[in-house]
Amino acid sequence: MATHPRDLVGTRLLDCVAFATACGGGAAVVVLCQDAWDGGVGTPSGKASAWDKVNFLATVPVLRVQLLARCGFVPVVPDPPINEGDAEYYLTTCCFRRAPQAPRWRLSHLGGAQFEAFSRLFTTVFGHAIAPALWQWKYAAERGCAVVAWRGDRLIAHYGGNLRPALAFGERVWALQICDAMVDPRERAVMTKTGAMYQVTAAFLELYQGLGGIPLAFGFPNRRAMRLGERLGFYAEVGTLVELRWPPLSRNPRLMTRLAYLDPASPADRRAVQVLWTAMAHDLAEGVVGVRDWDYLRYRYLDHPERHYELVLVRSRWTRAPLGLLVLHQEEDAVALTDLVAPLRHLPVLLVQARRLTGLWAKSSLYAWITRQYASRLITADAAERDIGVSIPTNTWVPQPFSPAQLADRWWLTIGDTDFL
């Protein structure tokens, strides 16, 4: 997998803008651009449509101009690109000066020093506070990124993403899980082409998927938000989530399988997780799935600052071979089947044990979210299926390696792929 996205020149443009804005007067932004073609950040070979060197090198300067225009800078005539024969890059010096009219908002990245401003906006929009530890879990240590809009010293819009590795048609790439998309309700034109939310959304996609080359992004918008994103040209729908719910089963042990809580300190348990993930990845080689290796599971579930998850290994009673890993979260009267790591043929066995644990914990039901095309893997005669009105989007704002048609009904997503459950 290629360079971490924060290391790419394109993603530093907002930092250049911030410096020039702070200088005041007639300060300009000068960018020495080596628009290198490496297939994008982790772009898989052989699977991309309309994604080649010519397309990339033609698109990047356009995105750069669009992005800086949002920040109140217009291009001075650039030097011609330097292209030495079939070289894999163009080298261009780009100079931008202040536009005659300043933009209504100031765009920037968001760092930890601005947490208080983020927290105030979060509380205003969602009606409850966010702890610093949860923000750190999402965004610190280069795990996440965000573009925000300021009016003076007040943060008024935020569009964030959590970086994670994924497998796209069998090859490892970067993906962005969109999170904390929010705008101060006092702002007018909330989601129109003149609104602050429009500006941060467009700038984020231009920075991280366009200039940064991250080939995948996904989120969990409701249908209303999905349709709005489609009308504005940001997204296309490539899937939906459904909820499955089951009654508990008998508490009695099962003849062929046994359970044990995963021990994070056990090398054998960690190896078992890797074996299970490798088998699952093989089964999903023709789809798209977030990586579920030991490092990810530790970060997502064991290091979560607020929620407690039960990680349970299901093994053969007789051979002790690992069959799968259950990630469960106990709620007031139900159990959430948050995640599964297993070869797909073992999912029915894992489901039986999850329902048994639901009975042992005296809960009334077990439920899961799953992308619709995989629901049949977990359907039972007594399962209740419900459309929860959640879509899976893909970016259509900037060129990307995968078309919406290629991604349609290809994602494997569960509750655990969200950042909020």
Protein backbone atom coordinates (compact mmCIF):
# COMPACT_ATOMS: atom_id res chain seq x y z
CA MET A 1 0.00 0.00 0.00
CA ALA A 2 1.37 3.42 -0.94
CA THR A 3 2.23 6.52 1.09
CA HIS A 4 0.02 7.66 3.93
CA PRO A 5 -2.34 10.33 2.49
CA ARG A 6 -1.20 13.03 4.92
CA ASP A 7 2.26 12.85 3.34
CA LEU A 8 1.03 13.92 -0.08
CA VAL A 9 1.63 17.46 -1.34
CA GLY A 10 -1.97 17.91 -2.44
CA THR A 11 -3.33 17.56 1.08
CA ARG A 12 -1.09 20.37 2.34
CA LEU A 13 -2.73 23.07 0.23
CA LEU A 14 -4.97 24.23 3.06
CA ASP A 15 -1.88 24.68 5.22
CA CYS A 16 -0.37 26.92 2.51
CA VAL A 17 -3.61 28.89 2.36
CA ALA A 18 -3.69 29.32 6.13
CA PHE A 19 -0.14 30.73 6.09
CA ALA A 20 -0.87 33.14 3.22
CA THR A 21 -4.10 34.29 4.86
CA ALA A 22 -2.31 34.94 8.14
CA CYS A 23 0.29 37.04 6.30
CA GLY A 24 -2.45 39.39 5.10
CA GLY A 25 -2.07 42.05 2.44
CA GLY A 26 -1.16 40.70 -0.97
CA ALA A 27 0.31 37.41 0.18
CA ALA A 28 0.22 34.69 -2.44
CA VAL A 29 0.21 30.92 -2.41
CA VAL A 30 3.04 29.38 -4.41
CA VAL A 31 2.97 25.62 -4.89
CA LEU A 32 5.74 23.58 -6.52
CA CYS A 33 3.74 20.65 -7.79
CA GLN A 34 5.21 17.30 -8.75
CA ASP A 35 2.05 15.56 -9.90
CA ALA A 36 3.35 12.03 -9.68
CA TRP A 37 1.49 9.06 -11.08
CA ASP A 38 1.62 5.95 -8.92
CA GLY A 39 -1.90 4.77 -9.63
CA GLY A 40 -3.18 6.76 -6.65
CA VAL A 41 -2.78 5.84 -2.99
CA GLY A 42 -2.98 2.09 -3.11
CA THR A 43 -5.00 1.95 -6.31
CA PRO A 44 -5.26 -1.72 -7.33
CA SER A 45 -3.92 -2.77 -10.69
CA GLY A 46 -6.16 -4.15 -13.38
CA LYS A 47 -9.47 -3.26 -11.72
CA ALA A 48 -9.78 0.49 -12.31
CA SER A 49 -11.84 2.03 -15.10
CA ALA A 50 -11.12 5.52 -16.47
CA TRP A 51 -8.13 5.83 -14.15
CA ASP A 52 -4.82 6.18 -15.93
CA LYS A 53 -1.82 8.48 -15.97
CA VAL A 54 -3.25 10.94 -18.49
CA ASN A 55 -6.54 11.24 -16.60
CA PHE A 56 -4.79 11.74 -13.25
CA LEU A 57 -2.33 14.36 -14.48
CA ALA A 58 -5.06 16.25 -16.30
CA THR A 59 -7.39 16.24 -13.31
CA VAL A 60 -5.04 17.31 -10.51
CA PRO A 61 -4.41 20.91 -11.72
CA VAL A 62 -8.16 21.44 -12.15
CA LEU A 63 -8.87 20.23 -8.61
CA ARG A 64 -6.11 22.45 -7.25
CA VAL A 65 -7.67 25.51 -8.86
CA GLN A 66 -11.15 24.58 -7.62
CA LEU A 67 -9.92 24.07 -4.09
CA LEU A 68 -7.95 27.30 -3.85
CA ALA A 69 -10.87 29.21 -5.36
CA ARG A 70 -12.97 28.06 -2.40
CA CYS A 71 -10.30 29.58 -0.16
CA GLY A 72 -10.32 32.95 -1.93
CA PHE A 73 -7.32 32.58 -4.25
CA VAL A 74 -7.23 32.66 -8.05
CA PRO A 75 -4.39 31.42 -10.29
CA VAL A 76 -1.78 33.62 -11.84
CA VAL A 77 -0.70 32.25 -15.23
CA PRO A 78 1.30 29.11 -14.28
CA ASP A 79 4.56 28.01 -15.82
CA PRO A 80 4.06 25.30 -18.45
CA PRO A 81 4.35 21.77 -17.13
CA ILE A 82 7.63 19.99 -17.52
CA ASN A 83 7.12 16.57 -19.07
CA GLU A 84 10.23 14.73 -20.06
CA GLY A 85 9.02 12.23 -22.62
CA ASP A 86 7.22 9.41 -20.88
CA ALA A 87 8.18 10.54 -17.37
CA GLU A 88 5.75 9.61 -14.64
CA TYR A 89 5.25 13.18 -13.41
CA TYR A 90 4.64 16.78 -14.41
CA LEU A 91 6.51 19.51 -12.49
CA THR A 92 4.63 22.79 -12.33
CA THR A 93 5.09 26.00 -10.36
CA CYS A 94 1.61 27.31 -9.52
CA CYS A 95 1.06 30.80 -8.16
CA PHE A 96 -2.27 31.95 -6.77
CA ARG A 97 -3.21 35.47 -5.66
CA ARG A 98 -6.08 36.74 -3.58
CA ALA A 99 -9.43 36.93 -5.34
CA PRO A 100 -11.06 40.39 -5.53
CA GLN A 101 -13.80 39.20 -3.17
CA ALA A 102 -12.99 37.21 -0.03
CA PRO A 103 -14.98 34.01 0.58
CA ARG A 104 -17.70 33.96 3.24
CA TRP A 105 -15.88 31.24 5.17
CA ARG A 106 -12.31 30.25 5.88
CA LEU A 107 -11.51 26.60 5.13
CA SER A 108 -8.85 24.68 7.03
CA HIS A 109 -7.83 21.31 8.40
CA LEU A 110 -8.82 20.61 11.99
CA GLY A 111 -6.22 19.71 14.57
CA GLY A 112 -6.34 18.80 18.22
CA ALA A 113 -5.79 22.41 19.25
CA GLN A 114 -9.25 23.23 17.86
CA PHE A 115 -11.05 20.50 19.81
CA GLU A 116 -13.07 22.96 21.90
CA ALA A 117 -14.48 24.57 18.75
CA PHE A 118 -15.26 21.12 17.34
CA SER A 119 -16.94 20.11 20.60
CA ARG A 120 -19.18 23.20 20.64
CA LEU A 121 -20.34 22.52 17.07
CA PHE A 122 -20.87 18.82 17.81
CA THR A 123 -23.02 19.60 20.84
CA THR A 124 -25.05 22.19 18.92
CA VAL A 125 -25.75 19.78 16.04
CA PHE A 126 -26.22 16.45 17.84
CA GLY A 127 -27.51 17.61 21.21
CA HIS A 128 -24.87 15.89 23.34
CA ALA A 129 -21.19 16.41 24.08
CA ILE A 130 -18.25 14.47 22.70
CA ALA A 131 -15.40 13.50 25.02
CA PRO A 132 -11.82 14.47 24.08
CA ALA A 133 -10.85 10.79 24.28
CA LEU A 134 -13.40 9.86 21.60
CA TRP A 135 -12.14 12.61 19.29
CA GLN A 136 -8.58 11.36 19.86
CA TRP A 137 -9.66 7.79 19.09
CA LYS A 138 -11.15 8.89 15.78
CA TYR A 139 -8.74 11.51 14.52
CA ALA A 140 -5.41 11.56 16.41
CA ALA A 141 -2.16 9.90 15.30
CA GLU A 142 -3.10 10.41 11.63
CA ARG A 143 -6.08 8.06 11.95
CA GLY A 144 -8.47 10.73 10.68
CA CYS A 145 -8.70 13.95 8.75
CA ALA A 146 -11.23 16.75 8.41
CA VAL A 147 -11.98 19.91 6.49
CA VAL A 148 -13.80 22.65 8.40
CA ALA A 149 -15.26 26.08 7.71
CA TRP A 150 -14.88 29.06 10.04
CA ARG A 151 -16.81 32.29 10.27
CA GLY A 152 -14.39 34.47 12.19
CA ASP A 153 -13.41 32.42 15.23
CA ARG A 154 -16.53 30.24 15.15
CA LEU A 155 -16.44 26.75 13.63
CA ILE A 156 -19.59 26.38 11.55
CA ALA A 157 -19.12 23.24 9.41
CA HIS A 158 -17.11 20.02 9.61
CA TYR A 159 -16.63 17.05 7.27
CA GLY A 160 -14.40 14.29 8.62
CA GLY A 161 -13.06 10.90 7.68
CA ASN A 162 -11.44 7.99 9.48
CA LEU A 163 -8.64 6.31 7.52
CA ARG A 164 -8.53 2.54 7.42
CA PRO A 165 -7.06 -0.09 5.13
CA ALA A 166 -9.48 -2.09 3.01
CA LEU A 167 -9.41 -4.85 0.45
CA ALA A 168 -10.86 -3.89 -2.91
CA PHE A 169 -11.25 -6.92 -5.17
CA GLY A 170 -8.47 -8.66 -3.30
CA GLU A 171 -5.93 -5.82 -3.16
CA ARG A 172 -5.09 -3.65 -0.15
CA VAL A 173 -5.95 0.05 -0.49
CA TRP A 174 -6.74 3.05 1.70
CA ALA A 175 -10.38 3.86 2.43
CA LEU A 176 -12.05 6.79 4.17
CA GLN A 177 -15.03 6.24 6.41
CA ILE A 178 -16.89 9.54 6.42
CA CYS A 179 -17.90 10.73 9.88
CA ASP A 180 -19.06 13.80 11.81
CA ALA A 181 -20.55 15.62 8.80
CA MET A 182 -22.23 18.60 10.46
CA VAL A 183 -23.11 22.26 10.01
CA ASP A 184 -24.29 24.87 12.47
CA PRO A 185 -28.10 25.06 12.00
CA ARG A 186 -27.92 28.84 12.29
CA GLU A 187 -26.17 29.02 8.94
CA ARG A 188 -28.36 29.75 5.97
CA ALA A 189 -28.37 27.65 2.80
CA VAL A 190 -27.25 24.62 4.81
CA MET A 191 -26.86 22.22 1.86
CA THR A 192 -27.00 24.30 -1.28
CA LYS A 193 -24.13 25.26 -3.55
CA THR A 194 -23.67 28.49 -1.61
CA GLY A 195 -23.64 26.82 1.80
CA ALA A 196 -20.75 26.07 4.13
CA MET A 197 -21.54 22.34 4.21
CA TYR A 198 -21.31 22.19 0.45
CA GLN A 199 -17.90 23.89 0.56
CA VAL A 200 -16.35 21.58 3.17
CA THR A 201 -17.74 18.46 1.49
CA ALA A 202 -16.41 19.46 -1.92
CA ALA A 203 -13.04 20.53 -0.48
CA PHE A 204 -12.66 17.26 1.46
CA LEU A 205 -13.35 15.12 -1.61
CA GLU A 206 -11.04 17.27 -3.75
CA LEU A 207 -8.23 17.08 -1.19
CA TYR A 208 -8.31 13.47 -0.12
CA GLN A 209 -9.81 11.57 -3.02
CA GLY A 210 -8.82 13.90 -5.83
CA LEU A 211 -5.40 15.27 -4.88
CA GLY A 212 -4.66 12.64 -2.24
CA GLY A 213 -5.70 9.76 -4.47
CA ILE A 214 -7.52 7.75 -1.80
CA PRO A 215 -9.51 5.33 -3.98
CA LEU A 216 -12.43 4.53 -1.67
CA ALA A 217 -14.76 6.38 0.65
CA PHE A 218 -17.95 5.23 2.30
CA GLY A 219 -20.39 6.28 4.98
CA PHE A 220 -23.82 5.60 6.41
CA PRO A 221 -26.19 8.44 5.41
CA ASN A 222 -29.91 8.11 5.76
CA ARG A 223 -31.92 8.12 2.54
CA ARG A 224 -32.74 11.84 2.73
CA ALA A 225 -29.05 12.77 3.06
CA MET A 226 -28.20 10.30 0.31
CA ARG A 227 -30.65 11.84 -2.15
CA LEU A 228 -29.39 15.33 -1.33
CA GLY A 229 -25.79 14.25 -1.94
CA GLU A 230 -26.83 12.76 -5.28
CA ARG A 231 -28.57 15.97 -6.35
CA LEU A 232 -25.50 18.03 -5.49
CA GLY A 233 -23.25 15.67 -7.45
CA PHE A 234 -21.23 14.35 -4.51
CA TYR A 235 -22.40 10.73 -4.26
CA ALA A 236 -23.96 7.74 -5.96
CA GLU A 237 -25.63 4.96 -4.00
CA VAL A 238 -23.83 1.60 -4.24
CA GLY A 239 -25.66 -0.36 -1.56
CA THR A 240 -27.99 -0.38 1.44
CA LEU A 241 -27.97 -1.83 4.94
CA VAL A 242 -30.66 -4.00 6.48
CA GLU A 243 -31.25 -5.06 10.06
CA LEU A 244 -31.73 -8.70 10.98
CA ARG A 245 -33.13 -9.64 14.39
CA TRP A 246 -33.40 -13.06 16.07
CA PRO A 247 -34.84 -14.37 19.33
CA PRO A 248 -32.39 -15.97 21.76
CA LEU A 249 -31.68 -19.70 21.71
CA SER A 250 -31.34 -22.23 24.50
CA ARG A 251 -28.50 -21.62 26.95
CA ASN A 252 -27.33 -25.22 26.69
CA PRO A 253 -23.80 -25.84 25.37
CA ARG A 254 -23.46 -26.95 21.76
CA LEU A 255 -22.08 -30.37 20.93
CA MET A 256 -19.70 -29.38 18.13
CA THR A 257 -18.46 -25.94 19.21
CA ARG A 258 -17.22 -24.18 22.31
CA LEU A 259 -16.67 -20.54 23.28
CA ALA A 260 -13.85 -18.62 24.93
CA TYR A 261 -13.32 -14.92 25.44
CA LEU A 262 -10.46 -13.65 23.29
CA ASP A 263 -7.33 -13.02 25.34
CA PRO A 264 -5.47 -10.00 23.88
CA ALA A 265 -2.27 -11.08 25.61
CA SER A 266 -2.34 -14.55 24.06
CA PRO A 267 -0.16 -15.00 20.96
CA ALA A 268 -2.26 -18.06 20.08
CA ASP A 269 -5.47 -16.03 20.11
CA ARG A 270 -3.90 -13.29 18.00
CA ARG A 271 -2.74 -15.91 15.50
CA ALA A 272 -6.26 -17.35 15.44
CA VAL A 273 -7.64 -13.92 14.52
CA GLN A 274 -5.14 -13.62 11.66
CA VAL A 275 -6.08 -17.07 10.35
CA LEU A 276 -9.78 -16.20 10.47
CA TRP A 277 -9.26 -12.85 8.75
CA THR A 278 -7.15 -14.41 6.00
CA ALA A 279 -9.92 -16.92 5.28
CA MET A 280 -12.60 -14.22 5.31
CA ALA A 281 -10.57 -12.00 2.98
CA HIS A 282 -10.23 -14.91 0.56
CA ASP A 283 -14.01 -15.41 0.56
CA LEU A 284 -14.58 -11.70 -0.14
CA ALA A 285 -11.91 -11.38 -2.84
CA GLU A 286 -14.50 -10.29 -5.40
CA GLY A 287 -15.89 -7.60 -3.12
CA VAL A 288 -14.84 -4.66 -0.95
CA VAL A 289 -14.28 -5.05 2.79
CA GLY A 290 -12.53 -3.15 5.54
CA VAL A 291 -9.49 -5.00 6.88
CA ARG A 292 -10.27 -6.94 10.06
CA ASP A 293 -6.83 -8.05 11.18
CA TRP A 294 -5.54 -8.03 14.75
CA ASP A 295 -4.32 -4.42 14.62
CA TYR A 296 -7.71 -3.18 13.45
CA LEU A 297 -9.70 -5.24 15.97
CA ARG A 298 -7.53 -4.02 18.83
CA TYR A 299 -7.97 -0.38 17.80
CA ARG A 300 -11.67 -0.59 16.95
CA TYR A 301 -12.95 -2.66 19.88
CA LEU A 302 -10.36 -3.07 22.63
CA ASP A 303 -9.13 0.54 22.57
CA HIS A 304 -12.53 2.19 22.25
CA PRO A 305 -12.69 4.86 24.96
CA GLU A 306 -16.41 4.56 25.74
CA ARG A 307 -18.01 1.32 24.60
CA HIS A 308 -17.33 -2.19 25.85
CA TYR A 309 -17.40 -5.12 23.43
CA GLU A 310 -17.30 -8.84 24.05
CA LEU A 311 -14.81 -10.56 21.70
CA VAL A 312 -15.57 -14.26 21.70
CA LEU A 313 -13.72 -16.98 19.81
CA VAL A 314 -15.79 -19.89 18.52
CA ARG A 315 -13.75 -23.08 18.24
CA SER A 316 -14.36 -26.68 17.30
CA ARG A 317 -14.97 -28.58 20.52
CA TRP A 318 -12.95 -31.54 19.25
CA THR A 319 -10.08 -30.09 17.22
CA ARG A 320 -9.97 -26.65 18.91
CA ALA A 321 -9.56 -25.11 15.46
CA PRO A 322 -10.85 -21.50 15.35
CA LEU A 323 -14.12 -21.21 13.42
CA GLY A 324 -14.82 -17.52 13.89
CA LEU A 325 -14.72 -14.44 16.09
CA LEU A 326 -17.86 -12.76 17.43
CA VAL A 327 -17.87 -9.09 18.45
CA LEU A 328 -20.91 -8.43 20.64
CA HIS A 329 -22.20 -5.38 22.51
CA GLN A 330 -24.73 -5.76 25.30
CA GLU A 331 -27.47 -3.14 25.28
CA GLU A 332 -30.27 -2.66 27.80
CA ASP A 333 -32.53 -5.36 26.38
CA ALA A 334 -30.75 -6.63 23.28
CA VAL A 335 -27.36 -7.74 22.02
CA ALA A 336 -25.77 -6.14 18.97
CA LEU A 337 -23.88 -8.53 16.70
CA THR A 338 -21.38 -5.79 15.96
CA ASP A 339 -18.90 -7.72 13.85
CA LEU A 340 -17.88 -11.15 12.61
CA VAL A 341 -14.50 -12.44 11.46
CA ALA A 342 -14.76 -15.86 9.88
CA PRO A 343 -14.85 -17.76 6.60
CA LEU A 344 -18.36 -17.23 5.28
CA ARG A 345 -19.25 -20.92 5.49
CA HIS A 346 -18.97 -20.71 9.30
CA LEU A 347 -21.41 -17.80 9.74
CA PRO A 348 -24.40 -20.06 10.63
CA VAL A 349 -22.38 -21.66 13.44
CA LEU A 350 -21.35 -18.24 14.78
CA LEU A 351 -24.93 -17.02 14.64
CA VAL A 352 -26.13 -19.98 16.72
CA GLN A 353 -23.56 -19.22 19.41
CA ALA A 354 -24.36 -15.49 19.38
CA ARG A 355 -28.03 -16.30 19.93
CA ARG A 356 -27.12 -18.72 22.72
CA LEU A 357 -25.11 -15.96 24.45
CA THR A 358 -28.09 -13.63 24.06
CA GLY A 359 -30.10 -16.15 26.10
CA LEU A 360 -27.34 -16.56 28.68
CA TRP A 361 -27.26 -12.79 29.17
CA ALA A 362 -31.08 -12.70 29.54
CA LYS A 363 -31.61 -10.35 26.59
CA SER A 364 -34.74 -10.41 24.46
CA SER A 365 -33.10 -10.40 21.02
CA LEU A 366 -29.93 -10.35 18.96
CA TYR A 367 -29.64 -7.99 16.00
CA ALA A 368 -27.15 -7.17 13.25
CA TRP A 369 -26.72 -4.72 10.40
CA ILE A 370 -25.41 -6.14 7.14
CA THR A 371 -25.20 -4.93 3.55
CA ARG A 372 -28.30 -6.23 1.80
CA GLN A 373 -26.58 -8.56 -0.66
CA TYR A 374 -25.05 -10.56 2.21
CA ALA A 375 -28.19 -10.80 4.35
CA SER A 376 -28.96 -14.27 2.98
CA ARG A 377 -25.80 -15.53 4.74
CA LEU A 378 -27.47 -14.84 8.10
CA ILE A 379 -31.17 -15.36 7.35
CA THR A 380 -32.95 -18.02 9.39
CA ALA A 381 -36.59 -19.09 9.44
CA ASP A 382 -37.25 -17.04 12.59
CA ALA A 383 -35.25 -13.94 11.58
CA ALA A 384 -37.00 -10.58 11.15
CA GLU A 385 -35.57 -8.39 8.39
CA ARG A 386 -36.05 -4.61 8.42
CA ASP A 387 -34.99 -1.84 6.05
CA ILE A 388 -33.33 0.76 8.29
CA GLY A 389 -33.12 3.44 5.59
CA VAL A 390 -29.31 3.61 5.47
CA SER A 391 -27.45 3.92 2.17
CA ILE A 392 -23.85 3.20 1.19
CA PRO A 393 -22.47 6.05 -0.95
CA THR A 394 -19.46 6.40 -3.19
CA ASN A 395 -17.84 9.62 -4.37
CA THR A 396 -18.80 10.98 -7.80
CA TRP A 397 -17.40 14.48 -7.27
CA VAL A 398 -13.83 13.70 -8.37
CA PRO A 399 -12.42 10.93 -10.59
CA GLN A 400 -11.69 7.69 -8.77
CA PRO A 401 -10.48 4.21 -9.74
CA PHE A 402 -13.83 2.50 -9.22
CA SER A 403 -17.06 3.44 -10.94
CA PRO A 404 -20.36 3.23 -9.05
CA ALA A 405 -21.28 0.26 -11.25
CA GLN A 406 -18.14 -1.61 -10.14
CA LEU A 407 -18.90 -0.95 -6.46
CA ALA A 408 -22.63 -1.67 -6.60
CA ASP A 409 -23.49 -4.35 -4.01
CA ARG A 410 -19.81 -5.13 -3.42
CA TRP A 411 -19.28 -3.76 0.11
CA TRP A 412 -19.29 -6.03 3.16
CA LEU A 413 -20.32 -3.71 6.01
CA THR A 414 -21.63 -4.32 9.51
CA ILE A 415 -22.39 -2.26 12.62
CA GLY A 416 -18.67 -2.38 13.44
CA ASP A 417 -17.82 -0.38 10.33
CA THR A 418 -19.60 2.65 11.78
CA ASP A 419 -17.85 5.07 14.14
CA PHE A 420 -20.88 5.61 16.36
CA LEU A 421 -22.01 2.11 17.49
